[in-house]
Amino acid sequence: MGAPRSRAAAAGSVLSDAGAGARRPLLHGRRRGRKLRPGQRRLLDTLLPRLRFALPCERPLDPRRLFDRPVEAVWLEIGFGAGEHLAAQAGQERAIGFIGCEAWASPICAC
């Protein structure tokens, strides 16, 4: 192990294979999602407003109350892509409330 680096130094760059002192930007994945096709944009503009919800102001938040039916537990899937796995799980586990979180719009609109 080398000498510890500060978070600021680590966030700005990393050593490359070119040797000590050579730097390249630190990037994990994309900075922006792919551009949506017109049909995907329409789907996002028309369907998402019907599916999203506002968080209630009550504290502490009980996520089971976000659903229109009683649920025993809530499962959160981060990075659900186009939602095939999430939809299959929701179909099999009727007593569970599922919430999907996806960073990119293009997979959500892939269906």
Protein backbone atom coordinates (compact mmCIF):
# COMPACT_ATOMS: atom_id res chain seq x y z
CA MET A 1 0.00 0.00 0.00
CA GLY A 2 1.20 3.45 -0.81
CA ALA A 3 0.86 6.60 1.20
CA PRO A 4 -2.74 7.64 1.82
CA ARG A 5 -4.06 10.36 -0.46
CA SER A 6 -6.57 13.00 0.43
CA ARG A 7 -10.14 12.63 -0.81
CA ALA A 8 -9.74 15.75 -2.92
CA ALA A 9 -6.66 14.34 -4.64
CA ALA A 10 -8.32 10.97 -5.19
CA ALA A 11 -11.46 12.56 -6.61
CA GLY A 12 -9.54 14.68 -9.12
CA SER A 13 -7.34 12.07 -10.73
CA VAL A 14 -5.72 8.66 -10.47
CA LEU A 15 -2.37 7.32 -11.52
CA SER A 16 -2.39 5.83 -15.00
CA ASP A 17 -0.33 3.00 -16.45
CA ALA A 18 1.97 5.62 -17.95
CA GLY A 19 3.88 5.86 -14.69
CA ALA A 20 4.10 8.02 -11.61
CA GLY A 21 2.94 11.54 -12.10
CA ALA A 22 0.83 10.85 -15.20
CA ARG A 23 -2.80 11.70 -14.41
CA ARG A 24 -6.16 11.04 -16.03
CA PRO A 25 -9.65 12.02 -14.90
CA LEU A 26 -11.37 9.72 -12.43
CA LEU A 27 -14.68 8.66 -13.93
CA HIS A 28 -16.88 5.74 -13.01
CA GLY A 29 -19.41 5.23 -15.80
CA ARG A 30 -21.25 7.84 -17.82
CA ARG A 31 -21.85 11.45 -16.87
CA ARG A 32 -25.06 11.66 -18.89
CA GLY A 33 -27.57 9.13 -20.12
CA ARG A 34 -28.19 8.40 -23.77
CA LYS A 35 -30.43 10.78 -25.69
CA LEU A 36 -34.06 9.69 -25.70
CA ARG A 37 -35.80 8.87 -28.95
CA PRO A 38 -39.07 10.79 -29.58
CA GLY A 39 -41.25 7.83 -28.52
CA GLN A 40 -39.25 7.41 -25.34
CA ARG A 41 -39.58 11.12 -24.57
CA ARG A 42 -43.39 10.93 -25.03
CA LEU A 43 -43.57 7.92 -22.73
CA LEU A 44 -41.51 9.67 -20.08
CA ASP A 45 -43.62 12.83 -20.37
CA THR A 46 -47.01 11.03 -20.20
CA LEU A 47 -46.52 7.93 -18.03
CA LEU A 48 -44.01 9.06 -15.41
CA PRO A 49 -46.27 11.79 -13.96
CA ARG A 50 -48.93 9.11 -13.32
CA LEU A 51 -46.44 6.81 -11.55
CA ARG A 52 -44.45 9.23 -9.42
CA PHE A 53 -45.53 10.25 -5.97
CA ALA A 54 -44.77 13.01 -3.51
CA LEU A 55 -43.30 12.06 -0.17
CA PRO A 56 -45.56 12.92 2.74
CA CYS A 57 -44.33 15.48 5.26
CA GLU A 58 -44.85 13.17 8.24
CA ARG A 59 -41.74 12.08 10.10
CA PRO A 60 -40.57 9.42 10.47
CA LEU A 61 -41.61 8.23 7.04
CA ASP A 62 -43.31 4.82 6.89
CA PRO A 63 -42.72 3.64 3.29
CA ARG A 64 -45.56 1.11 3.58
CA ARG A 65 -47.98 4.05 3.56
CA LEU A 66 -46.85 5.05 0.06
CA PHE A 67 -48.93 2.25 -1.45
CA ASP A 68 -52.67 2.21 -2.13
CA ARG A 69 -53.00 -1.22 -0.48
CA PRO A 70 -51.56 -2.73 2.71
CA VAL A 71 -48.07 -4.20 2.25
CA GLU A 72 -46.02 -6.27 4.70
CA ALA A 73 -42.67 -4.82 3.66
CA VAL A 74 -41.09 -2.50 1.10
CA TRP A 75 -38.23 -3.52 -1.17
CA LEU A 76 -36.10 -0.95 -2.99
CA GLU A 77 -34.39 -1.93 -6.23
CA ILE A 78 -31.65 0.48 -7.23
CA GLY A 79 -30.71 0.41 -10.90
CA PHE A 80 -33.76 -1.46 -12.17
CA GLY A 81 -33.10 -0.80 -15.88
CA ALA A 82 -36.21 -1.42 -17.99
CA GLY A 83 -37.95 -2.99 -14.98
CA GLU A 84 -38.38 -6.60 -16.16
CA HIS A 85 -36.99 -8.07 -12.94
CA LEU A 86 -38.85 -5.58 -10.77
CA ALA A 87 -42.17 -6.35 -12.52
CA ALA A 88 -41.61 -10.10 -12.21
CA GLN A 89 -40.84 -9.79 -8.51
CA ALA A 90 -43.92 -7.61 -7.94
CA GLY A 91 -46.06 -10.24 -9.70
CA GLN A 92 -44.72 -13.01 -7.46
CA GLU A 93 -44.59 -11.14 -4.15
CA ARG A 94 -48.02 -9.52 -3.85
CA ALA A 95 -47.57 -8.68 -0.13
CA ILE A 96 -44.42 -6.64 -0.82
CA GLY A 97 -44.40 -3.02 -1.97
CA PHE A 98 -41.72 -2.43 -4.61
CA ILE A 99 -40.00 0.86 -5.36
CA GLY A 100 -37.57 1.09 -8.28
CA CYS A 101 -34.87 3.72 -8.59
CA GLU A 102 -33.02 4.22 -11.89
CA ALA A 103 -30.40 6.88 -12.60
CA TRP A 104 -30.89 6.92 -16.39
CA ALA A 105 -34.13 7.66 -18.25
CA SER A 106 -33.32 5.65 -21.39
CA PRO A 107 -33.65 2.16 -19.80
CA ILE A 108 -36.93 3.12 -18.16
CA CYS A 109 -38.37 4.05 -21.56
CA ALA A 110 -37.09 0.92 -23.30
CA CYS A 111 -40.35 -1.03 -22.99
